PDB file of N, CA and C in Angstrom:
ATOM      1  N   LEU A   1      -3.790   0.838  10.338  1.00  0.00           N
ATOM      2  CA  LEU A   1      -4.314   1.392   9.155  1.00  0.00           C
ATOM      3  C   LEU A   1      -4.978   0.529   8.224  1.00  0.00           C
ATOM      4  N   GLU A   2      -5.010  -0.625   8.437  1.00  0.00           N
ATOM      5  CA  GLU A   2      -5.720  -1.559   7.692  1.00  0.00           C
ATOM      6  C   GLU A   2      -7.183  -1.455   7.886  1.00  0.00           C
ATOM      7  N   ILE A   3      -7.473  -1.133   9.174  1.00  0.00           N
ATOM      8  CA  ILE A   3      -9.079  -0.976   9.529  1.00  0.00           C
ATOM      9  C   ILE A   3      -9.531   0.392   9.043  1.00  0.00           C
ATOM     10  N   MET A   4      -8.514   1.319   9.114  1.00  0.00           N
ATOM     11  CA  MET A   4      -8.894   2.764   8.603  1.00  0.00           C
ATOM     12  C   MET A   4      -9.263   2.607   6.989  1.00  0.00           C
ATOM     13  N   ASP A   5      -8.427   1.846   6.364  1.00  0.00           N
ATOM     14  CA  ASP A   5      -8.580   1.632   4.983  1.00  0.00           C
ATOM     15  C   ASP A   5      -9.800   0.958   4.477  1.00  0.00           C
ATOM     16  N   LYS A   6     -10.183   0.004   5.389  1.00  0.00           N
ATOM     17  CA  LYS A   6     -11.550  -0.731   5.126  1.00  0.00           C
ATOM     18  C   LYS A   6     -12.716   0.247   5.313  1.00  0.00           C
ATOM     19  N   LEU A   7     -12.583   0.993   6.329  1.00  0.00           N
ATOM     20  CA  LEU A   7     -13.611   1.900   6.730  1.00  0.00           C
ATOM     21  C   LEU A   7     -13.754   3.165   5.746  1.00  0.00           C
ATOM     22  N   ASN A   8     -12.737   3.449   5.233  1.00  0.00           N
ATOM     23  CA  ASN A   8     -12.594   4.631   4.311  1.00  0.00           C
ATOM     24  C   ASN A   8     -12.961   4.282   2.820  1.00  0.00           C
ATOM     25  N   ASN A   9     -12.733   2.967   2.616  1.00  0.00           N
ATOM     26  CA  ASN A   9     -13.098   2.574   1.247  1.00  0.00           C
ATOM     27  C   ASN A   9     -14.560   1.801   1.110  1.00  0.00           C
ATOM     28  N   ARG A  10     -15.424   1.967   2.234  1.00  0.00           N
ATOM     29  CA  ARG A  10     -16.623   1.322   2.243  1.00  0.00           C
ATOM     30  C   ARG A  10     -17.626   2.299   1.878  1.00  0.00           C
ATOM     31  N   PRO A  11     -18.544   1.975   0.939  1.00  0.00           N
ATOM     32  CA  PRO A  11     -19.508   2.979   0.469  1.00  0.00           C
ATOM     33  C   PRO A  11     -20.443   3.357   1.519  1.00  0.00           C
ATOM     34  N   ARG A  12     -20.790   4.699   1.672  1.00  0.00           N
ATOM     35  CA  ARG A  12     -21.747   4.994   2.667  1.00  0.00           C
ATOM     36  C   ARG A  12     -23.152   5.523   2.173  1.00  0.00           C
ATOM     37  N   LYS A  13     -24.004   5.190   2.766  1.00  0.00           N
ATOM     38  CA  LYS A  13     -25.466   5.604   2.244  1.00  0.00           C
ATOM     39  C   LYS A  13     -25.522   7.124   2.480  1.00  0.00           C
ATOM     40  N   CYS A  14     -25.085   7.537   3.656  1.00  0.00           N
ATOM     41  CA  CYS A  14     -25.118   9.075   3.814  1.00  0.00           C
ATOM     42  C   CYS A  14     -24.233   9.940   2.840  1.00  0.00           C
ATOM     43  N   LEU A  15     -23.362   9.272   2.059  1.00  0.00           N
ATOM     44  CA  LEU A  15     -22.490   9.954   1.221  1.00  0.00           C
ATOM     45  C   LEU A  15     -22.926   9.649  -0.225  1.00  0.00           C
ATOM     46  N   GLY A  16     -24.206   9.230  -0.333  1.00  0.00           N
ATOM     47  CA  GLY A  16     -24.665   8.902  -1.700  1.00  0.00           C
ATOM     48  C   GLY A  16     -24.039   7.638  -2.289  1.00  0.00           C
ATOM     49  N   TYR A  17     -23.586   6.765  -1.424  1.00  0.00           N
ATOM     50  CA  TYR A  17     -22.900   5.499  -1.658  1.00  0.00           C
ATOM     51  C   TYR A  17     -21.579   5.704  -2.376  1.00  0.00           C
ATOM     52  N   LYS A  18     -21.083   6.701  -2.019  1.00  0.00           N
ATOM     53  CA  LYS A  18     -19.582   6.897  -2.354  1.00  0.00           C
ATOM     54  C   LYS A  18     -18.685   6.451  -1.164  1.00  0.00           C
ATOM     55  N   THR A  19     -17.505   6.289  -1.178  1.00  0.00           N
ATOM     56  CA  THR A  19     -16.728   5.913   0.032  1.00  0.00           C
ATOM     57  C   THR A  19     -16.228   7.287   0.365  1.00  0.00           C
ATOM     58  N   PRO A  20     -15.824   7.200   1.862  1.00  0.00           N
ATOM     59  CA  PRO A  20     -15.163   8.380   2.391  1.00  0.00           C
ATOM     60  C   PRO A  20     -13.906   8.903   1.593  1.00  0.00           C
ATOM     61  N   ASN A  21     -13.154   7.997   1.031  1.00  0.00           N
ATOM     62  CA  ASN A  21     -11.833   8.351   0.430  1.00  0.00           C
ATOM     63  C   ASN A  21     -12.458   9.065  -0.912  1.00  0.00           C
ATOM     64  N   GLN A  22     -13.537   8.498  -1.471  1.00  0.00           N
ATOM     65  CA  GLN A  22     -13.795   9.394  -2.941  1.00  0.00           C
ATOM     66  C   GLN A  22     -14.260  10.791  -2.652  1.00  0.00           C
ATOM     67  N   VAL A  23     -15.130  10.960  -1.660  1.00  0.00           N
ATOM     68  CA  VAL A  23     -15.627  12.250  -1.183  1.00  0.00           C
ATOM     69  C   VAL A  23     -14.322  13.151  -0.775  1.00  0.00           C
ATOM     70  N   PHE A  24     -13.380  12.570   0.039  1.00  0.00           N
ATOM     71  CA  PHE A  24     -12.372  13.322   0.540  1.00  0.00           C
ATOM     72  C   PHE A  24     -11.340  13.823  -0.650  1.00  0.00           C
ATOM     73  N   PHE A  25     -11.078  12.885  -1.368  1.00  0.00           N
ATOM     74  CA  PHE A  25     -10.063  13.142  -2.471  1.00  0.00           C
ATOM     75  C   PHE A  25     -10.736  13.667  -3.746  1.00  0.00           C
ATOM     76  N   GLY A  26     -11.968  13.611  -3.768  1.00  0.00           N
ATOM     77  CA  GLY A  26     -12.750  14.176  -4.853  1.00  0.00           C
ATOM     78  C   GLY A  26     -12.549  13.118  -6.096  1.00  0.00           C
ATOM     79  N   ILE A  27     -12.340  11.806  -5.927  1.00  0.00           N
ATOM     80  CA  ILE A  27     -12.154  10.949  -7.067  1.00  0.00           C
ATOM     81  C   ILE A  27     -13.339  10.205  -7.381  1.00  0.00           C
ATOM     82  N   LYS A  28     -13.638   9.765  -8.632  1.00  0.00           N
ATOM     83  CA  LYS A  28     -14.713   8.985  -8.918  1.00  0.00           C
ATOM     84  C   LYS A  28     -14.261   7.555  -9.454  1.00  0.00           C
ATOM     85  N   PRO A  29     -14.991   6.522  -9.033  1.00  0.00           N
ATOM     86  CA  PRO A  29     -14.756   5.273  -9.381  1.00  0.00           C
ATOM     87  C   PRO A  29     -14.882   5.185 -10.972  1.00  0.00           C
ATOM     88  N   PRO A  30     -14.139   4.186 -11.410  1.00  0.00           N
ATOM     89  CA  PRO A  30     -13.127   3.321 -10.870  1.00  0.00           C
ATOM     90  C   PRO A  30     -11.743   4.067 -11.060  1.00  0.00           C
ATOM     91  N   VAL A  31     -11.286   4.810 -10.275  1.00  0.00           N
ATOM     92  CA  VAL A  31      -9.981   5.457 -10.407  1.00  0.00           C
ATOM     93  C   VAL A  31      -8.950   4.692  -9.447  1.00  0.00           C
ATOM     94  N   ALA A  32      -8.118   4.133  -9.867  1.00  0.00           N
ATOM     95  CA  ALA A  32      -7.146   3.515  -9.065  1.00  0.00           C
ATOM     96  C   ALA A  32      -5.925   4.301  -8.692  1.00  0.00           C
ATOM     97  N   LEU A  33      -5.578   4.495  -7.466  1.00  0.00           N
ATOM     98  CA  LEU A  33      -4.392   5.177  -6.901  1.00  0.00           C
ATOM     99  C   LEU A  33      -3.359   4.445  -6.714  1.00  0.00           C
ATOM    100  N   ALA A  34      -2.169   4.771  -7.123  1.00  0.00           N
ATOM    101  CA  ALA A  34      -0.948   4.035  -6.937  1.00  0.00           C
ATOM    102  C   ALA A  34      -0.420   4.387  -5.540  1.00  0.00           C
ATOM    103  N   SER A  35      -0.167   3.415  -4.745  1.00  0.00           N
ATOM    104  CA  SER A  35       0.357   3.758  -3.412  1.00  0.00           C
ATOM    105  C   SER A  35       1.743   3.494  -3.313  1.00  0.00           C
TER     106      SER A  35
END
């Protein structure tokens, strides 16, 4: 899961420099999610 977290929290040029998690959850930085 650590690798998945790193990949999903890395901004992507194809996503307009948003991270996959931001796109998937529809969140905007800097929103912190409590885990």
